Protein backbone atom coordinates (compact mmCIF):
# COMPACT_ATOMS: atom_id res chain seq x y z
CA MET A 1 -37.46 -18.15 22.33
CA THR A 2 -40.52 -20.93 23.01
CA VAL A 3 -41.25 -21.93 26.72
CA ARG A 4 -42.65 -25.10 26.80
CA ALA A 5 -45.08 -25.92 30.04
CA MET A 6 -43.10 -29.16 31.59
CA THR A 7 -45.41 -31.37 33.35
CA ASN A 8 -43.44 -33.44 36.04
CA ASP A 9 -46.03 -34.85 38.00
CA VAL A 10 -45.03 -36.32 41.26
CA ILE A 11 -46.66 -39.05 43.31
CA GLN A 12 -49.09 -38.00 45.48
CA GLU A 13 -52.58 -38.22 47.08
CA ASN A 14 -55.12 -38.79 43.87
CA LYS A 15 -52.39 -39.25 41.63
CA TYR A 16 -52.48 -42.76 39.13
CA VAL A 17 -49.55 -44.55 39.10
CA GLU A 18 -48.37 -47.66 37.18
CA LEU A 19 -45.14 -49.00 38.06
CA THR A 20 -43.23 -52.60 37.65
CA TYR A 21 -40.84 -54.32 40.43
CA GLN A 22 -38.79 -56.99 41.44
CA VAL A 23 -38.10 -58.35 44.70
CA VAL A 24 -34.71 -59.24 45.00
CA ASP A 25 -33.07 -61.20 48.06
CA ARG A 26 -30.65 -59.12 49.43
CA LYS A 27 -28.13 -61.86 50.51
CA SER A 28 -28.21 -64.15 47.27
CA GLY A 29 -29.14 -61.57 44.52
CA GLU A 30 -31.69 -63.71 43.26
CA VAL A 31 -35.03 -61.92 42.09
CA LEU A 32 -37.73 -63.96 44.18
CA THR A 33 -40.53 -62.16 41.99
CA ALA A 34 -40.98 -59.78 39.40
CA VAL A 35 -43.99 -58.17 37.99
CA GLU A 36 -43.38 -56.88 34.62
CA TYR A 37 -46.81 -55.63 33.25
CA PRO A 38 -47.50 -52.28 34.89
CA LEU A 39 -49.29 -52.68 38.16
CA GLY A 40 -51.89 -49.62 38.60
CA TYR A 41 -53.25 -47.73 41.77
CA VAL A 42 -54.15 -44.51 42.58
CA HIS A 43 -52.12 -43.06 45.45
CA GLY A 44 -53.42 -42.48 48.86
CA VAL A 45 -56.45 -44.73 47.78
CA ASN A 46 -55.21 -47.84 47.16
CA GLU A 47 -52.19 -49.57 49.24
CA ILE A 48 -51.11 -52.15 47.06
CA LEU A 49 -47.86 -52.78 48.50
CA SER A 50 -46.20 -52.41 52.33
CA PRO A 51 -46.65 -49.09 53.70
CA SER A 52 -43.00 -48.37 53.80
CA VAL A 53 -42.74 -49.27 50.17
CA MET A 54 -45.80 -46.86 49.57
CA SER A 55 -43.99 -44.03 51.53
CA GLU A 56 -41.03 -44.29 49.34
CA LEU A 57 -42.82 -43.83 46.18
CA ALA A 58 -44.47 -40.45 47.71
CA GLY A 59 -42.75 -37.75 45.97
CA ARG A 60 -40.95 -39.51 43.04
CA SER A 61 -41.76 -38.93 39.18
CA GLU A 62 -42.22 -40.97 36.12
CA GLY A 63 -39.51 -42.63 34.82
CA ASP A 64 -37.66 -42.93 38.54
CA THR A 65 -36.48 -46.44 39.83
CA ILE A 66 -35.82 -46.80 43.35
CA ASP A 67 -34.67 -49.70 45.39
CA VAL A 68 -36.44 -50.11 49.01
CA PRO A 69 -34.98 -52.55 51.42
CA ILE A 70 -37.08 -54.44 53.52
CA ASP A 71 -36.82 -56.77 56.32
CA CYS A 72 -39.71 -59.23 55.83
CA ASN A 73 -39.77 -60.23 59.39
CA ALA A 74 -41.18 -57.17 60.52
CA ILE A 75 -44.10 -57.66 57.85
CA TYR A 76 -44.77 -61.28 58.04
CA GLY A 77 -43.09 -62.21 61.55
CA PRO A 78 -40.15 -64.94 61.82
CA ARG A 79 -41.08 -68.37 60.20
CA ASP A 80 -43.35 -70.68 61.73
CA GLU A 81 -42.15 -74.26 61.46
CA THR A 82 -45.21 -75.39 62.90
CA LEU A 83 -47.01 -74.21 59.40
CA VAL A 84 -44.97 -76.63 57.29
CA ILE A 85 -46.49 -80.13 56.99
CA THR A 86 -45.39 -83.23 55.14
CA ASP A 87 -47.88 -85.90 54.58
CA ARG A 88 -47.53 -89.54 52.57
CA ILE A 89 -48.29 -88.80 48.67
CA GLU A 90 -51.10 -90.84 48.73
CA ASN A 91 -53.06 -89.04 51.29
CA VAL A 92 -52.82 -85.72 49.02
CA PRO A 93 -55.31 -85.13 46.36
CA GLU A 94 -53.85 -85.53 42.90
CA GLU A 95 -54.18 -81.76 42.22
CA TYR A 96 -52.36 -80.64 44.93
CA ARG A 97 -49.08 -82.63 44.07
CA GLU A 98 -46.96 -79.62 42.27
CA VAL A 99 -44.61 -77.43 43.60
CA GLY A 100 -46.05 -73.66 43.73
CA THR A 101 -49.77 -74.99 43.79
CA ALA A 102 -51.60 -72.76 46.38
CA ILE A 103 -54.08 -74.37 48.94
CA LEU A 104 -56.78 -72.62 50.88
CA MET A 105 -56.98 -74.46 53.97
CA GLU A 106 -59.69 -74.02 56.83
CA ASN A 107 -59.30 -75.29 60.47
CA ASP A 108 -62.46 -76.71 62.68
CA ARG A 109 -63.05 -72.93 63.82
CA GLY A 110 -63.58 -71.79 60.39
CA GLU A 111 -60.44 -69.76 59.95
CA THR A 112 -58.55 -69.87 56.35
CA LYS A 113 -55.05 -69.78 55.70
CA ASN A 114 -53.03 -70.03 52.34
CA PHE A 115 -50.41 -72.69 51.90
CA LEU A 116 -48.14 -73.23 49.26
CA VAL A 117 -47.03 -76.76 48.17
CA THR A 118 -43.05 -76.42 48.40
CA ARG A 119 -41.87 -79.89 48.01
CA VAL A 120 -43.21 -83.39 46.18
CA ASP A 121 -41.07 -86.34 45.77
CA GLU A 122 -42.23 -90.30 45.26
CA LYS A 123 -43.33 -90.75 48.59
CA THR A 124 -44.19 -87.19 50.15
CA VAL A 125 -45.86 -83.69 49.81
CA THR A 126 -44.67 -80.61 51.81
CA ILE A 127 -46.81 -77.76 51.94
CA ASP A 128 -45.95 -74.31 53.96
CA GLY A 129 -48.55 -72.02 55.65
CA ASN A 130 -45.49 -69.17 55.78
CA ASN A 131 -45.08 -66.20 53.70
CA PRO A 132 -42.70 -67.26 50.99
CA LEU A 133 -40.85 -64.00 52.18
CA CYS A 134 -40.56 -64.89 55.94
CA GLY A 135 -37.36 -64.67 57.08
CA ARG A 136 -35.94 -62.76 54.25
CA GLU A 137 -34.23 -59.15 53.77
CA VAL A 138 -35.19 -58.49 50.38
CA ILE A 139 -34.87 -54.99 48.17
CA PHE A 140 -38.06 -53.73 46.18
CA LYS A 141 -36.73 -52.33 42.88
CA LEU A 142 -39.63 -50.20 41.48
CA ASP A 143 -39.68 -48.75 38.15
CA ILE A 144 -42.05 -45.92 37.80
CA ARG A 145 -43.78 -46.05 34.50
CA THR A 146 -46.53 -43.31 34.53
CA VAL A 147 -47.49 -40.81 37.04
CA ARG A 148 -50.75 -38.29 36.09
CA ASP A 149 -54.16 -37.11 37.81
CA ALA A 150 -56.46 -39.86 38.39
CA THR A 151 -60.06 -39.60 36.86
CA GLU A 152 -63.05 -39.63 39.33
CA GLU A 153 -63.90 -43.32 38.44
CA GLU A 154 -59.99 -44.38 39.08
CA ILE A 155 -60.06 -42.57 42.26
CA GLU A 156 -63.03 -44.50 43.16
CA HIS A 157 -61.86 -47.98 42.18
CA GLY A 158 -58.68 -47.11 43.65
CA GLY A 159 -57.36 -47.63 40.30
CA LYS A 160 -58.75 -48.50 36.65
CA PRO A 161 -62.18 -49.78 36.89
CA GLU A 162 -61.56 -53.65 35.52
CA ALA A 163 -63.48 -56.50 36.28
CA GLY A 164 -61.29 -58.60 38.84
CA PRO A 165 -60.73 -62.44 39.42
CA ASP A 166 -63.49 -64.24 40.60
CA ILE A 167 -62.07 -65.21 44.33
CA ASN A 168 -65.39 -67.31 45.40
CA SER A 169 -64.82 -69.85 42.92
CA GLY A 170 -61.39 -71.67 44.97
CA ARG A 171 -61.71 -74.80 46.55
CA VAL A 172 -61.47 -74.46 50.79
CA VAL A 173 -59.71 -77.43 52.21
CA PRO A 174 -60.24 -78.34 55.66
CA ILE A 175 -57.21 -78.69 58.22
């Protein structure tokens, strides 16, 4: 009789984890966003998702699929309609006339906020500074792909050490 050592790593501090997930609107069942390419992080070092989701991952294993209900009002607050701005299309630069375009705006105090183009018609462009999940109840459907001991370098970087995007190349628009 042969005894095999089974390695059933569970998610805990300093474990490297890769997962994919979907965010599903609880009422409509619509998939609001999906991450199909595995997202990697070191548990306890890099909080890549909300604390309530991260706590549900602890103790789980590779191959597990979990559903975590989230009330986005608790995370992002209620919708603020003062953050929805509609302007005449001729007042909006052409590069901001496409639904889904992100715009980083800056107020007169130098504070920045992300807005998203949510509507464009022949006469107007509407942008929204609310988080797209505001006012929704969603379910995070997480599929755990990998759980293993993290290397020292991964612990230092909070995940696989890779070059990140150049976040200093974006345009800032005054508001």
